[in-house]
Amino acid sequence: MKREITEAADVKQMVDSFYEKVNQDSLLSPVFNDFAKVDWESHLPKMYLFWESILFATGSYQGQPFQKHIPLPISLDHFERWIELFVTNVDEQFVGEKAELAKQRAHTIAHIFKTKLKHLNRIN
């Protein structure tokens, strides 16, 4: 049954289930696991704070996530797939204002990152 995102445990579920999808995806998994060699044990708690900051205005996330994306071998296809998985993941589990905010912010983040990477001539 779908429910609203109301607390940190919901954000954790959203993030964990999203990255499970990422890790099973033939396009995204190699970027995260083979190229970036993400340490999931330390990465996931940062993502919990990131999304809690966005959805609950906690201010708990401090960082500059764009910088970590500059060296990655990514294209517009990667952004499209990331958004597709993110939106699907949210829609499968959640409804309501915070779910809609999460999807809207994900689109905004992807747009900003794509624009910045294009400006740096990192993607076409």
N, C-alpha and C. Protein backbone atom coordinates (compact mmCIF):
# COMPACT_ATOMS: atom_id res chain seq x y z
N MET A 1 0.83 -1.18 0.00
CA MET A 1 0.00 0.00 0.00
C MET A 1 0.88 1.25 0.00
N LYS A 2 0.55 2.18 -0.85
CA LYS A 2 1.31 3.43 -0.93
C LYS A 2 0.96 4.32 0.26
N ARG A 3 1.97 5.06 0.70
CA ARG A 3 1.74 5.98 1.81
C ARG A 3 2.50 7.27 1.56
N GLU A 4 2.27 8.23 2.42
CA GLU A 4 2.96 9.51 2.30
C GLU A 4 4.35 9.42 2.93
N ILE A 5 5.24 10.28 2.48
CA ILE A 5 6.57 10.40 3.06
C ILE A 5 6.43 11.36 4.23
N THR A 6 6.57 10.84 5.44
CA THR A 6 6.33 11.68 6.61
C THR A 6 7.49 11.72 7.60
N GLU A 7 8.46 10.83 7.43
CA GLU A 7 9.54 10.76 8.42
C GLU A 7 10.82 10.21 7.78
N ALA A 8 11.88 10.26 8.56
CA ALA A 8 13.19 9.82 8.08
C ALA A 8 13.17 8.37 7.60
N ALA A 9 12.41 7.51 8.25
CA ALA A 9 12.34 6.10 7.85
C ALA A 9 11.78 5.97 6.43
N ASP A 10 10.86 6.84 6.06
CA ASP A 10 10.31 6.82 4.70
C ASP A 10 11.37 7.24 3.69
N VAL A 11 12.15 8.25 4.05
CA VAL A 11 13.23 8.70 3.17
C VAL A 11 14.25 7.58 3.00
N LYS A 12 14.58 6.91 4.08
CA LYS A 12 15.53 5.79 4.00
C LYS A 12 15.00 4.72 3.07
N GLN A 13 13.73 4.38 3.20
CA GLN A 13 13.14 3.38 2.31
C GLN A 13 13.19 3.84 0.85
N MET A 14 12.87 5.10 0.60
CA MET A 14 12.90 5.65 -0.75
C MET A 14 14.30 5.55 -1.34
N VAL A 15 15.29 5.97 -0.57
CA VAL A 15 16.68 5.97 -1.03
C VAL A 15 17.19 4.54 -1.23
N ASP A 16 16.98 3.69 -0.24
CA ASP A 16 17.48 2.31 -0.33
C ASP A 16 16.88 1.58 -1.53
N SER A 17 15.58 1.71 -1.71
CA SER A 17 14.93 1.00 -2.82
C SER A 17 15.35 1.59 -4.17
N PHE A 18 15.57 2.90 -4.21
CA PHE A 18 16.05 3.51 -5.45
C PHE A 18 17.43 2.97 -5.82
N TYR A 19 18.34 2.95 -4.86
CA TYR A 19 19.69 2.48 -5.18
C TYR A 19 19.75 0.98 -5.43
N GLU A 20 18.80 0.23 -4.90
CA GLU A 20 18.70 -1.17 -5.29
C GLU A 20 18.41 -1.26 -6.79
N LYS A 21 17.53 -0.41 -7.28
CA LYS A 21 17.22 -0.38 -8.71
C LYS A 21 18.43 0.07 -9.52
N VAL A 22 19.13 1.08 -9.02
CA VAL A 22 20.33 1.57 -9.70
C VAL A 22 21.36 0.44 -9.82
N ASN A 23 21.54 -0.30 -8.74
CA ASN A 23 22.54 -1.37 -8.74
C ASN A 23 22.16 -2.53 -9.64
N GLN A 24 20.91 -2.64 -10.03
CA GLN A 24 20.48 -3.69 -10.94
C GLN A 24 20.36 -3.19 -12.38
N ASP A 25 20.59 -1.91 -12.59
CA ASP A 25 20.41 -1.31 -13.91
C ASP A 25 21.69 -1.44 -14.75
N SER A 26 21.55 -1.93 -15.96
CA SER A 26 22.72 -2.17 -16.82
C SER A 26 23.41 -0.89 -17.27
N LEU A 27 22.71 0.23 -17.29
CA LEU A 27 23.33 1.50 -17.69
C LEU A 27 23.96 2.22 -16.50
N LEU A 28 23.27 2.26 -15.37
CA LEU A 28 23.73 3.05 -14.23
C LEU A 28 24.69 2.31 -13.31
N SER A 29 24.47 1.03 -13.10
CA SER A 29 25.31 0.29 -12.17
C SER A 29 26.80 0.38 -12.49
N PRO A 30 27.22 0.26 -13.75
CA PRO A 30 28.67 0.36 -14.02
C PRO A 30 29.27 1.71 -13.63
N VAL A 31 28.51 2.78 -13.76
CA VAL A 31 29.03 4.10 -13.38
C VAL A 31 29.25 4.15 -11.87
N PHE A 32 28.27 3.71 -11.12
CA PHE A 32 28.37 3.76 -9.66
C PHE A 32 29.37 2.74 -9.12
N ASN A 33 29.34 1.54 -9.64
CA ASN A 33 30.10 0.45 -9.03
C ASN A 33 31.46 0.21 -9.67
N ASP A 34 31.55 0.29 -10.97
CA ASP A 34 32.82 0.00 -11.64
C ASP A 34 33.70 1.24 -11.76
N PHE A 35 33.12 2.36 -12.17
CA PHE A 35 33.91 3.57 -12.36
C PHE A 35 34.11 4.32 -11.03
N ALA A 36 33.01 4.70 -10.39
CA ALA A 36 33.09 5.50 -9.16
C ALA A 36 33.44 4.66 -7.94
N LYS A 37 33.18 3.37 -8.03
CA LYS A 37 33.44 2.45 -6.91
C LYS A 37 32.84 3.00 -5.61
N VAL A 38 31.56 3.30 -5.68
CA VAL A 38 30.85 3.88 -4.54
C VAL A 38 30.92 2.95 -3.33
N ASP A 39 31.27 3.52 -2.21
CA ASP A 39 31.22 2.82 -0.92
C ASP A 39 29.80 3.04 -0.39
N TRP A 40 28.93 2.08 -0.64
CA TRP A 40 27.51 2.23 -0.33
C TRP A 40 27.27 2.45 1.16
N GLU A 41 28.10 1.87 2.00
CA GLU A 41 27.93 2.02 3.44
C GLU A 41 28.06 3.48 3.88
N SER A 42 28.92 4.23 3.22
CA SER A 42 29.06 5.65 3.57
C SER A 42 28.21 6.54 2.67
N HIS A 43 27.92 6.10 1.45
CA HIS A 43 27.15 6.92 0.51
C HIS A 43 25.68 7.02 0.90
N LEU A 44 25.08 5.91 1.27
CA LEU A 44 23.63 5.91 1.55
C LEU A 44 23.25 6.86 2.69
N PRO A 45 23.97 6.88 3.81
CA PRO A 45 23.61 7.86 4.85
C PRO A 45 23.68 9.31 4.37
N LYS A 46 24.59 9.60 3.47
CA LYS A 46 24.66 10.96 2.90
C LYS A 46 23.41 11.25 2.07
N MET A 47 22.96 10.23 1.34
CA MET A 47 21.76 10.41 0.53
C MET A 47 20.51 10.54 1.40
N TYR A 48 20.48 9.86 2.55
CA TYR A 48 19.36 10.04 3.47
C TYR A 48 19.31 11.50 3.93
N LEU A 49 20.47 12.04 4.33
CA LEU A 49 20.52 13.43 4.78
C LEU A 49 20.17 14.39 3.65
N PHE A 50 20.66 14.11 2.45
CA PHE A 50 20.37 14.95 1.29
C PHE A 50 18.86 15.06 1.07
N TRP A 51 18.18 13.91 1.00
CA TRP A 51 16.74 13.92 0.72
C TRP A 51 15.93 14.40 1.92
N GLU A 52 16.38 14.14 3.13
CA GLU A 52 15.70 14.70 4.30
C GLU A 52 15.78 16.22 4.27
N SER A 53 16.94 16.75 3.89
CA SER A 53 17.09 18.20 3.79
C SER A 53 16.13 18.79 2.77
N ILE A 54 15.97 18.10 1.65
CA ILE A 54 15.08 18.59 0.60
C ILE A 54 13.62 18.47 1.02
N LEU A 55 13.24 17.32 1.52
CA LEU A 55 11.82 17.06 1.78
C LEU A 55 11.31 17.66 3.08
N PHE A 56 12.18 17.78 4.08
CA PHE A 56 11.74 18.27 5.38
C PHE A 56 12.44 19.56 5.79
N ALA A 57 13.23 20.15 4.88
CA ALA A 57 13.94 21.40 5.14
C ALA A 57 14.73 21.34 6.46
N THR A 58 15.44 20.23 6.65
CA THR A 58 16.19 20.04 7.89
C THR A 58 17.52 20.77 7.89
N GLY A 59 18.07 21.01 6.71
CA GLY A 59 19.39 21.62 6.64
C GLY A 59 20.49 20.68 7.09
N SER A 60 20.18 19.39 7.18
CA SER A 60 21.15 18.43 7.70
C SER A 60 22.22 18.03 6.70
N TYR A 61 21.97 18.25 5.42
CA TYR A 61 22.97 17.88 4.41
C TYR A 61 23.85 19.09 4.13
N GLN A 62 25.13 18.87 4.21
CA GLN A 62 26.12 19.89 3.86
C GLN A 62 27.06 19.26 2.84
N GLY A 63 27.06 19.78 1.66
CA GLY A 63 27.95 19.21 0.65
C GLY A 63 27.74 19.85 -0.70
N GLN A 64 28.56 19.46 -1.62
CA GLN A 64 28.49 19.94 -3.00
C GLN A 64 28.47 18.72 -3.92
N PRO A 65 27.29 18.14 -4.12
CA PRO A 65 27.22 16.89 -4.87
C PRO A 65 27.63 17.01 -6.33
N PHE A 66 27.49 18.18 -6.92
CA PHE A 66 27.82 18.31 -8.35
C PHE A 66 29.29 17.96 -8.61
N GLN A 67 30.18 18.42 -7.76
CA GLN A 67 31.61 18.21 -7.98
C GLN A 67 31.97 16.74 -8.16
N LYS A 68 31.29 15.87 -7.44
CA LYS A 68 31.57 14.44 -7.52
C LYS A 68 31.12 13.84 -8.85
N HIS A 69 30.26 14.54 -9.56
CA HIS A 69 29.74 14.02 -10.82
C HIS A 69 30.57 14.44 -12.04
N ILE A 70 31.42 15.41 -11.88
CA ILE A 70 32.20 15.92 -13.03
C ILE A 70 33.02 14.84 -13.71
N PRO A 71 33.77 14.00 -12.97
CA PRO A 71 34.62 13.02 -13.67
C PRO A 71 33.89 11.78 -14.18
N LEU A 72 32.62 11.64 -13.87
CA LEU A 72 31.91 10.41 -14.24
C LEU A 72 31.67 10.30 -15.74
N PRO A 73 31.76 9.10 -16.28
CA PRO A 73 31.48 8.89 -17.70
C PRO A 73 29.97 8.77 -17.94
N ILE A 74 29.30 9.92 -17.94
CA ILE A 74 27.85 9.93 -18.07
C ILE A 74 27.41 10.74 -19.27
N SER A 75 26.23 10.39 -19.75
CA SER A 75 25.64 11.06 -20.91
C SER A 75 24.21 11.45 -20.56
N LEU A 76 23.54 12.05 -21.53
CA LEU A 76 22.13 12.39 -21.33
C LEU A 76 21.30 11.14 -21.06
N ASP A 77 21.68 10.03 -21.66
CA ASP A 77 20.98 8.76 -21.42
C ASP A 77 21.02 8.37 -19.94
N HIS A 78 22.14 8.62 -19.30
CA HIS A 78 22.26 8.29 -17.88
C HIS A 78 21.29 9.13 -17.05
N PHE A 79 21.18 10.41 -17.37
CA PHE A 79 20.25 11.28 -16.64
C PHE A 79 18.80 10.84 -16.85
N GLU A 80 18.47 10.51 -18.09
CA GLU A 80 17.11 10.06 -18.39
C GLU A 80 16.78 8.79 -17.63
N ARG A 81 17.72 7.86 -17.58
CA ARG A 81 17.48 6.61 -16.87
C ARG A 81 17.38 6.85 -15.37
N TRP A 82 18.25 7.72 -14.83
CA TRP A 82 18.23 8.05 -13.41
C TRP A 82 16.85 8.60 -13.02
N ILE A 83 16.35 9.54 -13.81
CA ILE A 83 15.03 10.13 -13.54
C ILE A 83 13.95 9.06 -13.66
N GLU A 84 14.01 8.26 -14.69
CA GLU A 84 13.01 7.21 -14.89
C GLU A 84 12.94 6.28 -13.67
N LEU A 85 14.10 5.83 -13.21
CA LEU A 85 14.14 4.93 -12.04
C LEU A 85 13.67 5.64 -10.78
N PHE A 86 14.08 6.89 -10.62
CA PHE A 86 13.71 7.63 -9.42
C PHE A 86 12.20 7.82 -9.34
N VAL A 87 11.61 8.30 -10.42
CA VAL A 87 10.17 8.55 -10.45
C VAL A 87 9.39 7.25 -10.27
N THR A 88 9.81 6.21 -10.97
CA THR A 88 9.15 4.91 -10.84
C THR A 88 9.21 4.42 -9.40
N ASN A 89 10.38 4.55 -8.80
CA ASN A 89 10.56 4.12 -7.42
C ASN A 89 9.63 4.86 -6.46
N VAL A 90 9.57 6.17 -6.59
CA VAL A 90 8.69 6.96 -5.73
C VAL A 90 7.24 6.57 -5.97
N ASP A 91 6.84 6.51 -7.24
CA ASP A 91 5.45 6.19 -7.57
C ASP A 91 5.01 4.81 -7.10
N GLU A 92 5.94 3.87 -7.05
CA GLU A 92 5.61 2.51 -6.59
C GLU A 92 5.26 2.47 -5.10
N GLN A 93 5.80 3.42 -4.34
CA GLN A 93 5.69 3.32 -2.88
C GLN A 93 4.95 4.45 -2.19
N PHE A 94 4.97 5.63 -2.80
CA PHE A 94 4.53 6.80 -2.06
C PHE A 94 3.53 7.65 -2.85
N VAL A 95 2.75 8.40 -2.10
CA VAL A 95 1.82 9.38 -2.65
C VAL A 95 1.95 10.65 -1.81
N GLY A 96 1.35 11.70 -2.31
CA GLY A 96 1.25 12.91 -1.50
C GLY A 96 2.24 13.99 -1.88
N GLU A 97 2.18 15.04 -1.08
CA GLU A 97 2.95 16.25 -1.34
C GLU A 97 4.46 16.01 -1.35
N LYS A 98 4.97 15.28 -0.38
CA LYS A 98 6.42 15.04 -0.31
C LYS A 98 6.88 14.14 -1.46
N ALA A 99 6.07 13.19 -1.87
CA ALA A 99 6.41 12.33 -3.01
C ALA A 99 6.51 13.18 -4.28
N GLU A 100 5.56 14.08 -4.45
CA GLU A 100 5.59 14.96 -5.62
C GLU A 100 6.78 15.90 -5.56
N LEU A 101 7.08 16.40 -4.36
CA LEU A 101 8.25 17.27 -4.19
C LEU A 101 9.53 16.52 -4.52
N ALA A 102 9.65 15.28 -4.07
CA ALA A 102 10.85 14.48 -4.36
C ALA A 102 11.05 14.34 -5.86
N LYS A 103 9.98 14.03 -6.58
CA LYS A 103 10.08 13.86 -8.03
C LYS A 103 10.43 15.18 -8.72
N GLN A 104 9.79 16.25 -8.28
CA GLN A 104 10.07 17.57 -8.87
C GLN A 104 11.51 17.97 -8.64
N ARG A 105 11.99 17.77 -7.42
CA ARG A 105 13.38 18.14 -7.10
C ARG A 105 14.37 17.26 -7.86
N ALA A 106 14.05 16.00 -8.03
CA ALA A 106 14.93 15.12 -8.80
C ALA A 106 15.05 15.63 -10.24
N HIS A 107 13.94 16.04 -10.83
CA HIS A 107 13.98 16.61 -12.18
C HIS A 107 14.82 17.88 -12.21
N THR A 108 14.66 18.73 -11.21
CA THR A 108 15.42 19.98 -11.14
C THR A 108 16.91 19.71 -10.99
N ILE A 109 17.26 18.78 -10.12
CA ILE A 109 18.67 18.43 -9.91
C ILE A 109 19.28 17.90 -11.19
N ALA A 110 18.57 17.00 -11.86
CA ALA A 110 19.08 16.44 -13.12
C ALA A 110 19.28 17.54 -14.15
N HIS A 111 18.32 18.45 -14.23
CA HIS A 111 18.43 19.55 -15.20
C HIS A 111 19.65 20.43 -14.90
N ILE A 112 19.83 20.77 -13.65
CA ILE A 112 20.98 21.60 -13.25
C ILE A 112 22.29 20.88 -13.55
N PHE A 113 22.38 19.63 -13.18
CA PHE A 113 23.61 18.87 -13.43
C PHE A 113 23.88 18.75 -14.92
N LYS A 114 22.85 18.46 -15.71
CA LYS A 114 23.04 18.37 -17.17
C LYS A 114 23.53 19.69 -17.73
N THR A 115 22.93 20.78 -17.30
CA THR A 115 23.31 22.10 -17.79
C THR A 115 24.76 22.42 -17.44
N LYS A 116 25.15 22.15 -16.21
CA LYS A 116 26.52 22.42 -15.79
C LYS A 116 27.51 21.53 -16.53
N LEU A 117 27.18 20.25 -16.70
CA LEU A 117 28.09 19.34 -17.41
C LEU A 117 28.20 19.72 -18.88
N LYS A 118 27.11 20.17 -19.49
CA LYS A 118 27.18 20.66 -20.87
C LYS A 118 28.11 21.85 -20.96
N HIS A 119 27.98 22.77 -19.99
CA HIS A 119 28.82 23.96 -19.97
C HIS A 119 30.30 23.60 -19.84
N LEU A 120 30.59 22.53 -19.12
CA LEU A 120 31.97 22.06 -18.97
C LEU A 120 32.40 21.16 -20.13
N ASN A 121 31.51 21.00 -21.12
CA ASN A 121 31.75 20.13 -22.27
C ASN A 121 32.00 18.69 -21.86
N ARG A 122 31.29 18.23 -20.82
CA ARG A 122 31.41 16.86 -20.36
C ARG A 122 30.35 15.96 -20.98
N ILE A 123 29.23 16.54 -21.43
CA ILE A 123 28.19 15.75 -22.11
C ILE A 123 27.67 16.56 -23.28
N ASN A 124 27.07 15.84 -24.23
CA ASN A 124 26.48 16.50 -25.41
C ASN A 124 25.00 16.68 -25.20
